[in-house]
C-alpha atoms as a PDB file:
ATOM      1  CA  UNK A   1       7.745   0.260  -1.029  1.00  0.00           C
ATOM      2  CA  UNK A   2       9.445  -0.066   2.213  1.00  0.00           C
ATOM      3  CA  UNK A   3      12.103  -2.782   4.025  1.00  0.00           C
ATOM      4  CA  UNK A   4      11.430  -5.932   5.716  1.00  0.00           C
ATOM      5  CA  UNK A   5      13.005  -6.318   9.549  1.00  0.00           C
ATOM      6  CA  UNK A   6      12.137  -9.450  10.727  1.00  0.00           C
ATOM      7  CA  UNK A   7       8.640 -10.922  10.453  1.00  0.00           C
ATOM      8  CA  UNK A   8       7.292  -6.945   9.867  1.00  0.00           C
ATOM      9  CA  UNK A   9       7.272  -4.727   7.129  1.00  0.00           C
ATOM     10  CA  UNK A  10       9.876  -1.886   8.235  1.00  0.00           C
ATOM     11  CA  UNK A  11       7.343   1.266   6.539  1.00  0.00           C
ATOM     12  CA  UNK A  12      10.125   4.022   7.770  1.00  0.00           C
ATOM     13  CA  UNK A  13      12.999   2.639   5.894  1.00  0.00           C
ATOM     14  CA  UNK A  14      13.511   4.470   2.297  1.00  0.00           C
ATOM     15  CA  UNK A  15      11.550   2.716  -0.981  1.00  0.00           C
ATOM     16  CA  UNK A  16      13.905   1.446  -3.135  1.00  0.00           C
ATOM     17  CA  UNK A  17      11.204   0.782  -5.876  1.00  0.00           C
ATOM     18  CA  UNK A  18       8.369   2.983  -6.493  1.00  0.00           C
ATOM     19  CA  UNK A  19       4.897   1.668  -6.581  1.00  0.00           C
ATOM     20  CA  UNK A  20       3.577   1.124 -10.041  1.00  0.00           C
ATOM     21  CA  UNK A  21      -0.555   0.786 -10.474  1.00  0.00           C
ATOM     22  CA  UNK A  22      -1.468  -2.416 -11.663  1.00  0.00           C
ATOM     23  CA  UNK A  23      -5.118  -3.778 -12.593  1.00  0.00           C
ATOM     24  CA  UNK A  24      -6.477  -5.368  -8.785  1.00  0.00           C
ATOM     25  CA  UNK A  25      -7.125  -8.460 -10.635  1.00  0.00           C
ATOM     26  CA  UNK A  26      -3.079  -8.998 -10.748  1.00  0.00           C
ATOM     27  CA  UNK A  27      -3.037  -9.502  -7.157  1.00  0.00           C
ATOM     28  CA  UNK A  28      -6.628 -10.592  -6.420  1.00  0.00           C
ATOM     29  CA  UNK A  29      -5.777 -14.407  -6.080  1.00  0.00           C
ATOM     30  CA  UNK A  30      -3.106 -13.797  -3.459  1.00  0.00           C
ATOM     31  CA  UNK A  31      -5.713 -11.438  -1.245  1.00  0.00           C
ATOM     32  CA  UNK A  32      -8.724 -13.250  -1.598  1.00  0.00           C
ATOM     33  CA  UNK A  33      -8.127 -15.692   0.997  1.00  0.00           C
ATOM     34  CA  UNK A  34      -7.361 -12.727   3.436  1.00  0.00           C
ATOM     35  CA  UNK A  35     -10.594 -10.729   2.728  1.00  0.00           C
ATOM     36  CA  UNK A  36     -13.627 -10.960   4.484  1.00  0.00           C
ATOM     37  CA  UNK A  37     -17.318 -10.922   3.665  1.00  0.00           C
ATOM     38  CA  UNK A  38     -18.215  -7.789   1.770  1.00  0.00           C
ATOM     39  CA  UNK A  39     -14.968  -6.556   1.373  1.00  0.00           C
ATOM     40  CA  UNK A  40     -13.678  -5.524  -1.970  1.00  0.00           C
ATOM     41  CA  UNK A  41     -10.060  -5.129  -3.845  1.00  0.00           C
ATOM     42  CA  UNK A  42     -10.072  -1.358  -5.409  1.00  0.00           C
ATOM     43  CA  UNK A  43      -6.846  -0.452  -6.166  1.00  0.00           C
ATOM     44  CA  UNK A  44      -3.259  -2.388  -6.281  1.00  0.00           C
ATOM     45  CA  UNK A  45       0.341  -1.270  -6.947  1.00  0.00           C
ATOM     46  CA  UNK A  46       3.192  -3.289  -7.442  1.00  0.00           C
ATOM     47  CA  UNK A  47       6.995  -2.847  -7.305  1.00  0.00           C
ATOM     48  CA  UNK A  48       9.094  -5.704  -8.908  1.00  0.00           C
ATOM     49  CA  UNK A  49       7.907  -8.526  -6.246  1.00  0.00           C
ATOM     50  CA  UNK A  50       6.049  -6.814  -3.661  1.00  0.00           C
ATOM     51  CA  UNK A  51       2.442  -5.185  -3.786  1.00  0.00           C
ATOM     52  CA  UNK A  52       0.182  -3.068  -1.729  1.00  0.00           C
ATOM     53  CA  UNK A  53      -3.724  -3.469  -2.499  1.00  0.00           C
ATOM     54  CA  UNK A  54      -6.115  -1.337  -1.298  1.00  0.00           C
ATOM     55  CA  UNK A  55      -9.687  -2.596  -0.234  1.00  0.00           C
ATOM     56  CA  UNK A  56     -12.860  -1.203   0.953  1.00  0.00           C
ATOM     57  CA  UNK A  57     -11.612  -1.632   4.736  1.00  0.00           C
ATOM     58  CA  UNK A  58      -8.065  -1.706   4.725  1.00  0.00           C
ATOM     59  CA  UNK A  59      -4.217  -1.397   2.988  1.00  0.00           C
ATOM     60  CA  UNK A  60      -3.054  -5.059   2.535  1.00  0.00           C
ATOM     61  CA  UNK A  61       1.193  -4.634   2.237  1.00  0.00           C
ATOM     62  CA  UNK A  62       2.381  -7.890   1.052  1.00  0.00           C
ATOM     63  CA  UNK A  63       6.210  -8.521   0.915  1.00  0.00           C
ATOM     64  CA  UNK A  64       7.616 -11.458  -0.970  1.00  0.00           C
ATOM     65  CA  UNK A  65      10.264 -13.494   0.586  1.00  0.00           C
ATOM     66  CA  UNK A  66      12.928 -15.844  -0.344  1.00  0.00           C
ATOM     67  CA  UNK A  67      14.149 -16.819  -3.806  1.00  0.00           C
ATOM     68  CA  UNK A  68      11.325 -18.733  -4.868  1.00  0.00           C
ATOM     69  CA  UNK A  69       9.023 -16.197  -3.734  1.00  0.00           C
ATOM     70  CA  UNK A  70       6.370 -18.627  -2.305  1.00  0.00           C
ATOM     71  CA  UNK A  71       6.751 -17.172   1.064  1.00  0.00           C
ATOM     72  CA  UNK A  72       4.904 -13.858   1.513  1.00  0.00           C
ATOM     73  CA  UNK A  73       4.469 -11.551   4.549  1.00  0.00           C
ATOM     74  CA  UNK A  74       1.160  -9.798   4.393  1.00  0.00           C
ATOM     75  CA  UNK A  75       0.461  -6.570   7.084  1.00  0.00           C
ATOM     76  CA  UNK A  76      -2.936  -5.309   7.263  1.00  0.00           C
ATOM     77  CA  UNK A  77      -3.264  -2.102   8.003  1.00  0.00           C
ATOM     78  CA  UNK A  78      -7.358  -1.002   8.691  1.00  0.00           C
ATOM     79  CA  UNK A  79      -8.722   2.085   7.575  1.00  0.00           C
ATOM     80  CA  UNK A  80     -10.389   2.608  11.040  1.00  0.00           C
ATOM     81  CA  UNK A  81      -6.590   3.349  12.669  1.00  0.00           C
ATOM     82  CA  UNK A  82      -5.898   6.133  10.491  1.00  0.00           C
ATOM     83  CA  UNK A  83      -5.664   9.182  12.696  1.00  0.00           C
ATOM     84  CA  UNK A  84      -4.487  11.656   9.711  1.00  0.00           C
ATOM     85  CA  UNK A  85      -2.965  11.417   6.071  1.00  0.00           C
ATOM     86  CA  UNK A  86      -1.554  13.528   3.418  1.00  0.00           C
ATOM     87  CA  UNK A  87      -0.616  12.857  -0.196  1.00  0.00           C
ATOM     88  CA  UNK A  88       2.220  14.174  -2.212  1.00  0.00           C
ATOM     89  CA  UNK A  89       1.056  14.976  -6.107  1.00  0.00           C
ATOM     90  CA  UNK A  90       4.363  14.460  -8.437  1.00  0.00           C
ATOM     91  CA  UNK A  91       6.067  17.603  -9.624  1.00  0.00           C
ATOM     92  CA  UNK A  92       8.320  18.482 -13.005  1.00  0.00           C
ATOM     93  CA  UNK A  93      11.586  17.744 -10.952  1.00  0.00           C
ATOM     94  CA  UNK A  94      10.172  15.337  -8.450  1.00  0.00           C
ATOM     95  CA  UNK A  95       8.670  12.827 -10.384  1.00  0.00           C
ATOM     96  CA  UNK A  96       7.080  10.501  -7.402  1.00  0.00           C
ATOM     97  CA  UNK A  97       3.805  10.565  -5.437  1.00  0.00           C
ATOM     98  CA  UNK A  98       4.005   9.988  -2.128  1.00  0.00           C
ATOM     99  CA  UNK A  99       1.199   8.933   0.429  1.00  0.00           C
ATOM    100  CA  UNK A 100       1.815   9.249   4.321  1.00  0.00           C
ATOM    101  CA  UNK A 101      -0.750   7.244   6.569  1.00  0.00           C
ATOM    102  CA  UNK A 102      -0.528   8.094  10.758  1.00  0.00           C
ATOM    103  CA  UNK A 103      -1.890   4.802  12.226  1.00  0.00           C
ATOM    104  CA  UNK A 104      -2.551   5.103  16.187  1.00  0.00           C
ATOM    105  CA  UNK A 105      -0.338   2.448  17.605  1.00  0.00           C
ATOM    106  CA  UNK A 106       1.834   2.015  14.432  1.00  0.00           C
ATOM    107  CA  UNK A 107       2.790   5.631  13.544  1.00  0.00           C
ATOM    108  CA  UNK A 108       3.595   6.733  10.136  1.00  0.00           C
ATOM    109  CA  UNK A 109       3.314   4.796   6.931  1.00  0.00           C
ATOM    110  CA  UNK A 110       5.427   5.964   3.790  1.00  0.00           C
ATOM    111  CA  UNK A 111       4.167   4.586   0.474  1.00  0.00           C
ATOM    112  CA  UNK A 112       5.879   6.257  -2.833  1.00  0.00           C
ATOM    113  CA  UNK A 113       4.524   6.042  -6.131  1.00  0.00           C
ATOM    114  CA  UNK A 114       5.488   6.341  -9.852  1.00  0.00           C
ATOM    115  CA  UNK A 115       4.300   9.791 -11.072  1.00  0.00           C
ATOM    116  CA  UNK A 116       1.563   7.326 -13.181  1.00  0.00           C
ATOM    117  CA  UNK A 117      -0.250   7.080 -10.208  1.00  0.00           C
ATOM    118  CA  UNK A 118      -3.477   8.543  -9.440  1.00  0.00           C
ATOM    119  CA  UNK A 119      -2.738   9.439  -6.103  1.00  0.00           C
ATOM    120  CA  UNK A 120      -5.475  12.168  -5.792  1.00  0.00           C
ATOM    121  CA  UNK A 121      -7.946   9.378  -6.392  1.00  0.00           C
ATOM    122  CA  UNK A 122      -6.045   7.246  -3.552  1.00  0.00           C
ATOM    123  CA  UNK A 123      -6.402  10.289  -1.326  1.00  0.00           C
ATOM    124  CA  UNK A 124     -10.447  10.352  -2.057  1.00  0.00           C
ATOM    125  CA  UNK A 125     -10.912   7.370  -1.650  1.00  0.00           C
ATOM    126  CA  UNK A 126      -9.061   6.691   1.924  1.00  0.00           C
ATOM    127  CA  UNK A 127     -11.224  10.155   2.869  1.00  0.00           C
ATOM    128  CA  UNK A 128     -14.220   8.555   1.973  1.00  0.00           C
ATOM    129  CA  UNK A 129     -13.765   5.730   3.925  1.00  0.00           C
ATOM    130  CA  UNK A 130     -12.266   7.257   7.272  1.00  0.00           C
ATOM    131  CA  UNK A 131     -14.078  10.695   7.478  1.00  0.00           C
END
């Protein structure tokens, strides 16, 4: 997903693990306290410990820290701050899909997904919320 650098997820560092699609219910209990009224969890993707959740309002990136995993850093990235984005589908030789989001004030956020991820559906959802 991304690296971790002193209190903030470092989205510019290369991913070690690729995000795998999971049922949003698998992470709901962790993100539910962060959701506002009317916000719905739509997609979720996990690595071994970390995860990314896409709601109808924002992207929430969770970086699980420490040996016990009880400490979690949540980064909230509202779709209203996205200026542009790109998707790259998986191919025969490059088996990963990628999503790059360009946020005003933050810069580029790059996420890598396993080929089994429906990156096109994710791109359509983001388009629906920002266009």
